[in-house]
Amino acid sequence: MKKEIKVIAVLFNSENKILLEKLNDEFMLPFSTINDRERIEDAYKRFLLNYTGLTIEMLGVIAAYNFDEINQISIVYACTPLYKFKPTKSLPDKYSWYSEEEIKIMKISFPYREMIAKAYFKP
């Protein structure tokens, strides 16, 4: 059986805040799946533009996870909005920017907290 490939974005703004999506009473990072024959970079750019209206620059891979039990591979990239391009729409209500301090006390779905920690880690 073919594995689903999920792309997850840790999107930093110019204030070093991260974009999170609120679903019920939990928070998570924006994510999507890769379409057939779609490049990873194109999947990130497509889904973030469609979901948030933001044009992004990819900064680098944070992590990759193999979830055999659900037949899925997740690839986590750090990204930033390209501010020279105006957003195509207002940020939907379910998305907001949060600081590292705010994130520390929030209820964040597994495994997103680990992904955020890796993104903020500076060697």
N, C-alpha and C. Protein backbone atom coordinates (compact mmCIF):
# COMPACT_ATOMS: atom_id res chain seq x y z
N MET A 1 0.84 -1.18 0.00
CA MET A 1 0.00 0.00 0.00
C MET A 1 0.89 1.25 0.00
N LYS A 2 0.52 2.20 -0.83
CA LYS A 2 1.27 3.45 -0.95
C LYS A 2 1.06 4.32 0.29
N LYS A 3 2.16 4.88 0.79
CA LYS A 3 2.08 5.76 1.97
C LYS A 3 1.63 7.16 1.57
N GLU A 4 0.81 7.74 2.43
CA GLU A 4 0.41 9.13 2.26
C GLU A 4 1.56 10.01 2.74
N ILE A 5 1.86 11.06 1.99
CA ILE A 5 2.90 11.99 2.41
C ILE A 5 2.24 13.28 2.84
N LYS A 6 2.46 13.63 4.10
CA LYS A 6 1.87 14.82 4.71
C LYS A 6 2.97 15.88 4.85
N VAL A 7 2.65 17.11 4.47
CA VAL A 7 3.59 18.22 4.63
C VAL A 7 3.05 19.12 5.74
N ILE A 8 3.93 19.45 6.69
CA ILE A 8 3.58 20.24 7.86
C ILE A 8 4.49 21.47 7.88
N ALA A 9 3.88 22.63 8.08
CA ALA A 9 4.64 23.89 8.02
C ALA A 9 4.79 24.52 9.40
N VAL A 10 6.04 24.84 9.75
CA VAL A 10 6.30 25.71 10.89
C VAL A 10 6.60 27.07 10.26
N LEU A 11 5.58 27.91 10.24
CA LEU A 11 5.65 29.17 9.53
C LEU A 11 5.95 30.30 10.51
N PHE A 12 7.16 30.87 10.38
CA PHE A 12 7.61 31.98 11.24
C PHE A 12 7.32 33.31 10.56
N ASN A 13 6.81 34.29 11.33
CA ASN A 13 6.66 35.62 10.76
C ASN A 13 7.87 36.48 11.14
N SER A 14 7.84 37.76 10.80
CA SER A 14 8.99 38.64 11.05
C SER A 14 9.23 38.89 12.54
N GLU A 15 8.25 38.58 13.40
CA GLU A 15 8.41 38.73 14.85
C GLU A 15 8.78 37.41 15.53
N ASN A 16 9.15 36.41 14.72
CA ASN A 16 9.52 35.07 15.20
C ASN A 16 8.34 34.34 15.87
N LYS A 17 7.13 34.71 15.48
CA LYS A 17 5.94 34.01 15.95
C LYS A 17 5.59 32.91 14.95
N ILE A 18 4.90 31.89 15.44
CA ILE A 18 4.54 30.74 14.61
C ILE A 18 3.03 30.74 14.36
N LEU A 19 2.66 30.41 13.13
CA LEU A 19 1.26 30.32 12.76
C LEU A 19 0.70 28.97 13.21
N LEU A 20 -0.38 29.02 14.00
CA LEU A 20 -1.06 27.80 14.45
C LEU A 20 -2.52 27.85 14.04
N GLU A 21 -3.05 26.66 13.85
CA GLU A 21 -4.47 26.49 13.53
C GLU A 21 -5.19 25.99 14.77
N LYS A 22 -6.32 26.59 15.10
CA LYS A 22 -7.11 26.13 16.24
C LYS A 22 -8.24 25.25 15.75
N LEU A 23 -8.30 24.05 16.32
CA LEU A 23 -9.36 23.11 16.00
C LEU A 23 -9.97 22.65 17.32
N ASN A 24 -11.21 23.04 17.55
CA ASN A 24 -11.88 22.83 18.84
C ASN A 24 -11.07 23.53 19.92
N ASP A 25 -10.54 22.80 20.90
CA ASP A 25 -9.77 23.47 21.96
C ASP A 25 -8.29 23.14 21.89
N GLU A 26 -7.83 22.62 20.75
CA GLU A 26 -6.40 22.29 20.58
C GLU A 26 -5.83 23.07 19.40
N PHE A 27 -4.50 23.18 19.42
CA PHE A 27 -3.80 23.88 18.36
C PHE A 27 -2.89 22.92 17.61
N MET A 28 -2.70 23.20 16.33
CA MET A 28 -1.81 22.38 15.51
C MET A 28 -1.16 23.24 14.44
N LEU A 29 -0.13 22.70 13.84
CA LEU A 29 0.54 23.37 12.73
C LEU A 29 -0.26 23.15 11.45
N PRO A 30 -0.20 24.10 10.51
CA PRO A 30 -0.88 23.90 9.22
C PRO A 30 -0.27 22.71 8.48
N PHE A 31 -1.13 21.91 7.86
CA PHE A 31 -0.65 20.73 7.13
C PHE A 31 -1.55 20.42 5.95
N SER A 32 -1.01 19.61 5.05
CA SER A 32 -1.76 19.12 3.89
C SER A 32 -1.09 17.83 3.42
N THR A 33 -1.61 17.26 2.38
CA THR A 33 -0.98 16.09 1.77
C THR A 33 -0.47 16.47 0.39
N ILE A 34 0.51 15.70 -0.07
CA ILE A 34 1.07 15.93 -1.40
C ILE A 34 0.17 15.25 -2.43
N ASN A 35 -0.15 15.97 -3.49
CA ASN A 35 -0.92 15.40 -4.59
C ASN A 35 -0.01 14.50 -5.44
N ASP A 36 -0.60 13.61 -6.22
CA ASP A 36 0.18 12.75 -7.11
C ASP A 36 1.08 13.59 -8.01
N ARG A 37 2.33 13.18 -8.09
CA ARG A 37 3.37 13.79 -8.95
C ARG A 37 3.69 15.24 -8.58
N GLU A 38 3.32 15.66 -7.38
CA GLU A 38 3.62 17.02 -6.93
C GLU A 38 4.94 17.04 -6.17
N ARG A 39 5.77 18.03 -6.41
CA ARG A 39 7.02 18.18 -5.66
C ARG A 39 6.69 18.68 -4.26
N ILE A 40 7.55 18.33 -3.30
CA ILE A 40 7.33 18.73 -1.90
C ILE A 40 7.22 20.25 -1.80
N GLU A 41 8.15 20.96 -2.43
CA GLU A 41 8.15 22.43 -2.35
C GLU A 41 6.85 23.01 -2.90
N ASP A 42 6.37 22.42 -4.00
CA ASP A 42 5.13 22.91 -4.61
C ASP A 42 3.93 22.65 -3.71
N ALA A 43 3.95 21.52 -3.00
CA ALA A 43 2.85 21.21 -2.07
C ALA A 43 2.77 22.25 -0.96
N TYR A 44 3.91 22.61 -0.39
CA TYR A 44 3.93 23.63 0.67
C TYR A 44 3.39 24.96 0.15
N LYS A 45 3.91 25.39 -0.98
CA LYS A 45 3.50 26.67 -1.54
C LYS A 45 2.01 26.68 -1.88
N ARG A 46 1.52 25.58 -2.44
CA ARG A 46 0.11 25.48 -2.81
C ARG A 46 -0.79 25.54 -1.59
N PHE A 47 -0.52 24.67 -0.62
CA PHE A 47 -1.46 24.59 0.49
C PHE A 47 -1.42 25.83 1.37
N LEU A 48 -0.25 26.43 1.56
CA LEU A 48 -0.22 27.64 2.39
C LEU A 48 -0.88 28.83 1.69
N LEU A 49 -0.70 28.92 0.38
CA LEU A 49 -1.39 29.98 -0.36
C LEU A 49 -2.91 29.75 -0.31
N ASN A 50 -3.34 28.51 -0.54
CA ASN A 50 -4.78 28.21 -0.53
C ASN A 50 -5.41 28.38 0.84
N TYR A 51 -4.75 27.92 1.90
CA TYR A 51 -5.32 27.95 3.24
C TYR A 51 -5.18 29.31 3.91
N THR A 52 -4.07 29.99 3.69
CA THR A 52 -3.79 31.21 4.44
C THR A 52 -3.70 32.47 3.57
N GLY A 53 -3.54 32.31 2.27
CA GLY A 53 -3.35 33.46 1.38
C GLY A 53 -1.93 33.97 1.35
N LEU A 54 -1.00 33.25 2.03
CA LEU A 54 0.39 33.69 2.12
C LEU A 54 1.28 33.01 1.08
N THR A 55 2.13 33.81 0.46
CA THR A 55 3.19 33.29 -0.40
C THR A 55 4.40 33.09 0.51
N ILE A 56 5.04 31.93 0.41
CA ILE A 56 6.09 31.60 1.39
C ILE A 56 7.43 31.31 0.74
N GLU A 57 8.45 31.41 1.59
CA GLU A 57 9.80 30.96 1.26
C GLU A 57 10.10 29.80 2.20
N MET A 58 10.62 28.71 1.65
CA MET A 58 10.96 27.55 2.46
C MET A 58 12.37 27.73 2.99
N LEU A 59 12.54 27.55 4.31
CA LEU A 59 13.82 27.78 4.96
C LEU A 59 14.63 26.50 5.15
N GLY A 60 13.97 25.37 5.29
CA GLY A 60 14.69 24.12 5.45
C GLY A 60 13.89 23.07 6.21
N VAL A 61 14.34 21.84 6.08
CA VAL A 61 13.68 20.72 6.74
C VAL A 61 13.96 20.75 8.23
N ILE A 62 12.93 20.55 9.02
CA ILE A 62 13.07 20.45 10.48
C ILE A 62 13.14 18.98 10.88
N ALA A 63 12.25 18.18 10.30
CA ALA A 63 12.19 16.76 10.67
C ALA A 63 11.36 16.00 9.66
N ALA A 64 11.50 14.69 9.71
CA ALA A 64 10.64 13.78 8.94
C ALA A 64 10.24 12.65 9.87
N TYR A 65 9.00 12.22 9.76
CA TYR A 65 8.46 11.18 10.63
C TYR A 65 7.84 10.09 9.77
N ASN A 66 8.06 8.84 10.16
CA ASN A 66 7.45 7.70 9.50
C ASN A 66 6.45 7.08 10.47
N PHE A 67 5.18 7.25 10.19
CA PHE A 67 4.11 6.71 11.04
C PHE A 67 3.56 5.46 10.38
N ASP A 68 4.24 4.32 10.62
CA ASP A 68 3.82 3.05 10.00
C ASP A 68 2.40 2.67 10.36
N GLU A 69 2.00 2.91 11.62
CA GLU A 69 0.68 2.50 12.09
C GLU A 69 -0.47 3.17 11.32
N ILE A 70 -0.21 4.32 10.72
CA ILE A 70 -1.25 4.99 9.92
C ILE A 70 -0.82 5.14 8.46
N ASN A 71 0.26 4.45 8.10
CA ASN A 71 0.74 4.42 6.72
C ASN A 71 0.98 5.83 6.16
N GLN A 72 1.75 6.61 6.93
CA GLN A 72 1.97 8.01 6.57
C GLN A 72 3.41 8.44 6.86
N ILE A 73 3.92 9.28 6.00
CA ILE A 73 5.20 9.95 6.21
C ILE A 73 4.90 11.44 6.32
N SER A 74 5.43 12.10 7.35
CA SER A 74 5.24 13.53 7.54
C SER A 74 6.58 14.24 7.41
N ILE A 75 6.60 15.30 6.61
CA ILE A 75 7.80 16.10 6.41
C ILE A 75 7.52 17.50 6.95
N VAL A 76 8.38 17.97 7.85
CA VAL A 76 8.18 19.26 8.51
C VAL A 76 9.22 20.26 8.01
N TYR A 77 8.76 21.38 7.47
CA TYR A 77 9.64 22.44 6.96
C TYR A 77 9.41 23.72 7.73
N ALA A 78 10.48 24.46 7.95
CA ALA A 78 10.37 25.84 8.43
C ALA A 78 10.15 26.72 7.20
N CYS A 79 9.23 27.67 7.33
CA CYS A 79 8.89 28.57 6.24
C CYS A 79 8.70 29.98 6.79
N THR A 80 8.70 30.94 5.89
CA THR A 80 8.41 32.32 6.28
C THR A 80 7.62 32.97 5.15
N PRO A 81 6.69 33.87 5.49
CA PRO A 81 5.96 34.58 4.43
C PRO A 81 6.91 35.51 3.66
N LEU A 82 6.66 35.63 2.39
CA LEU A 82 7.38 36.60 1.57
C LEU A 82 6.57 37.89 1.61
N TYR A 83 7.03 38.85 2.38
CA TYR A 83 6.26 40.07 2.61
C TYR A 83 6.22 41.00 1.41
N LYS A 84 7.04 40.72 0.39
CA LYS A 84 6.96 41.56 -0.80
C LYS A 84 5.69 41.24 -1.60
N PHE A 85 5.08 40.07 -1.30
CA PHE A 85 3.81 39.72 -1.93
C PHE A 85 2.69 39.93 -0.92
N LYS A 86 1.69 40.70 -1.29
CA LYS A 86 0.55 40.92 -0.41
C LYS A 86 -0.23 39.62 -0.30
N PRO A 87 -0.73 39.29 0.91
CA PRO A 87 -1.58 38.11 1.04
C PRO A 87 -2.76 38.21 0.08
N THR A 88 -3.16 37.07 -0.48
CA THR A 88 -4.27 37.06 -1.43
C THR A 88 -5.61 37.18 -0.73
N LYS A 89 -5.62 37.00 0.59
CA LYS A 89 -6.86 37.13 1.37
C LYS A 89 -6.47 37.34 2.83
N SER A 90 -7.44 37.71 3.65
CA SER A 90 -7.19 37.83 5.08
C SER A 90 -6.97 36.45 5.67
N LEU A 91 -6.16 36.38 6.70
CA LEU A 91 -5.90 35.13 7.38
C LEU A 91 -7.22 34.60 7.96
N PRO A 92 -7.60 33.36 7.65
CA PRO A 92 -8.85 32.81 8.21
C PRO A 92 -8.82 32.83 9.74
N ASP A 93 -10.01 32.94 10.34
CA ASP A 93 -10.14 33.05 11.80
C ASP A 93 -9.47 31.91 12.57
N LYS A 94 -9.43 30.72 11.99
CA LYS A 94 -8.87 29.58 12.73
C LYS A 94 -7.34 29.64 12.82
N TYR A 95 -6.69 30.58 12.11
CA TYR A 95 -5.24 30.73 12.15
C TYR A 95 -4.85 32.00 12.91
N SER A 96 -3.81 31.89 13.75
CA SER A 96 -3.26 33.05 14.44
C SER A 96 -1.77 32.85 14.67
N TRP A 97 -1.06 33.97 14.89
CA TRP A 97 0.37 33.95 15.17
C TRP A 97 0.58 33.93 16.68
N TYR A 98 1.50 33.06 17.15
CA TYR A 98 1.77 32.92 18.59
C TYR A 98 3.28 32.95 18.85
N SER A 99 3.64 33.57 19.97
CA SER A 99 5.05 33.64 20.38
C SER A 99 5.46 32.32 21.03
N GLU A 100 6.75 32.15 21.18
CA GLU A 100 7.28 30.95 21.84
C GLU A 100 6.74 30.85 23.27
N GLU A 101 6.65 31.97 23.96
CA GLU A 101 6.15 31.98 25.35
C GLU A 101 4.68 31.57 25.40
N GLU A 102 3.88 32.06 24.48
CA GLU A 102 2.46 31.69 24.42
C GLU A 102 2.31 30.20 24.12
N ILE A 103 3.12 29.70 23.20
CA ILE A 103 3.03 28.30 22.78
C ILE A 103 3.35 27.36 23.94
N LYS A 104 4.26 27.77 24.81
CA LYS A 104 4.66 26.90 25.93
C LYS A 104 3.50 26.52 26.82
N ILE A 105 2.48 27.36 26.93
CA ILE A 105 1.37 27.08 27.84
C ILE A 105 0.09 26.65 27.11
N MET A 106 0.16 26.47 25.80
CA MET A 106 -1.02 26.10 25.02
C MET A 106 -1.20 24.59 24.94
N LYS A 107 -2.42 24.16 24.71
CA LYS A 107 -2.73 22.75 24.48
C LYS A 107 -2.51 22.49 22.99
N ILE A 108 -1.41 21.79 22.69
CA ILE A 108 -1.03 21.55 21.31
C ILE A 108 -1.07 20.05 21.03
N SER A 109 -1.70 19.68 19.92
CA SER A 109 -1.86 18.28 19.54
C SER A 109 -0.51 17.62 19.29
N PHE A 110 -0.42 16.31 19.62
CA PHE A 110 0.76 15.50 19.33
C PHE A 110 0.82 15.28 17.83
N PRO A 111 1.97 15.28 17.19
CA PRO A 111 3.33 15.52 17.67
C PRO A 111 3.80 16.95 17.40
N TYR A 112 2.86 17.88 17.27
CA TYR A 112 3.21 19.25 16.87
C TYR A 112 4.10 19.98 17.86
N ARG A 113 3.92 19.73 19.15
CA ARG A 113 4.77 20.41 20.14
C ARG A 113 6.24 20.08 19.90
N GLU A 114 6.54 18.82 19.64
CA GLU A 114 7.92 18.40 19.36
C GLU A 114 8.45 19.09 18.11
N MET A 115 7.63 19.20 17.09
CA MET A 115 8.04 19.85 15.84
C MET A 115 8.35 21.33 16.09
N ILE A 116 7.53 21.99 16.87
CA ILE A 116 7.75 23.40 17.20
C ILE A 116 9.03 23.56 18.00
N ALA A 117 9.26 22.68 18.96
CA ALA A 117 10.49 22.73 19.77
C ALA A 117 11.72 22.59 18.89
N LYS A 118 11.67 21.69 17.92
CA LYS A 118 12.81 21.51 17.01
C LYS A 118 13.02 22.75 16.16
N ALA A 119 11.94 23.44 15.79
CA ALA A 119 12.05 24.63 14.98
C ALA A 119 12.68 25.79 15.75
N TYR A 120 12.36 25.90 17.03
CA TYR A 120 12.90 26.97 17.86
C TYR A 120 14.32 26.67 18.37
N PHE A 121 14.72 25.38 18.34
CA PHE A 121 16.03 25.00 18.84
C PHE A 121 17.12 25.63 17.97
N LYS A 122 18.07 26.27 18.62
CA LYS A 122 19.18 26.87 17.89
C LYS A 122 20.48 26.23 18.39
N PRO A 123 21.12 25.45 17.50
CA PRO A 123 22.36 24.74 17.93
C PRO A 123 23.48 25.67 18.31
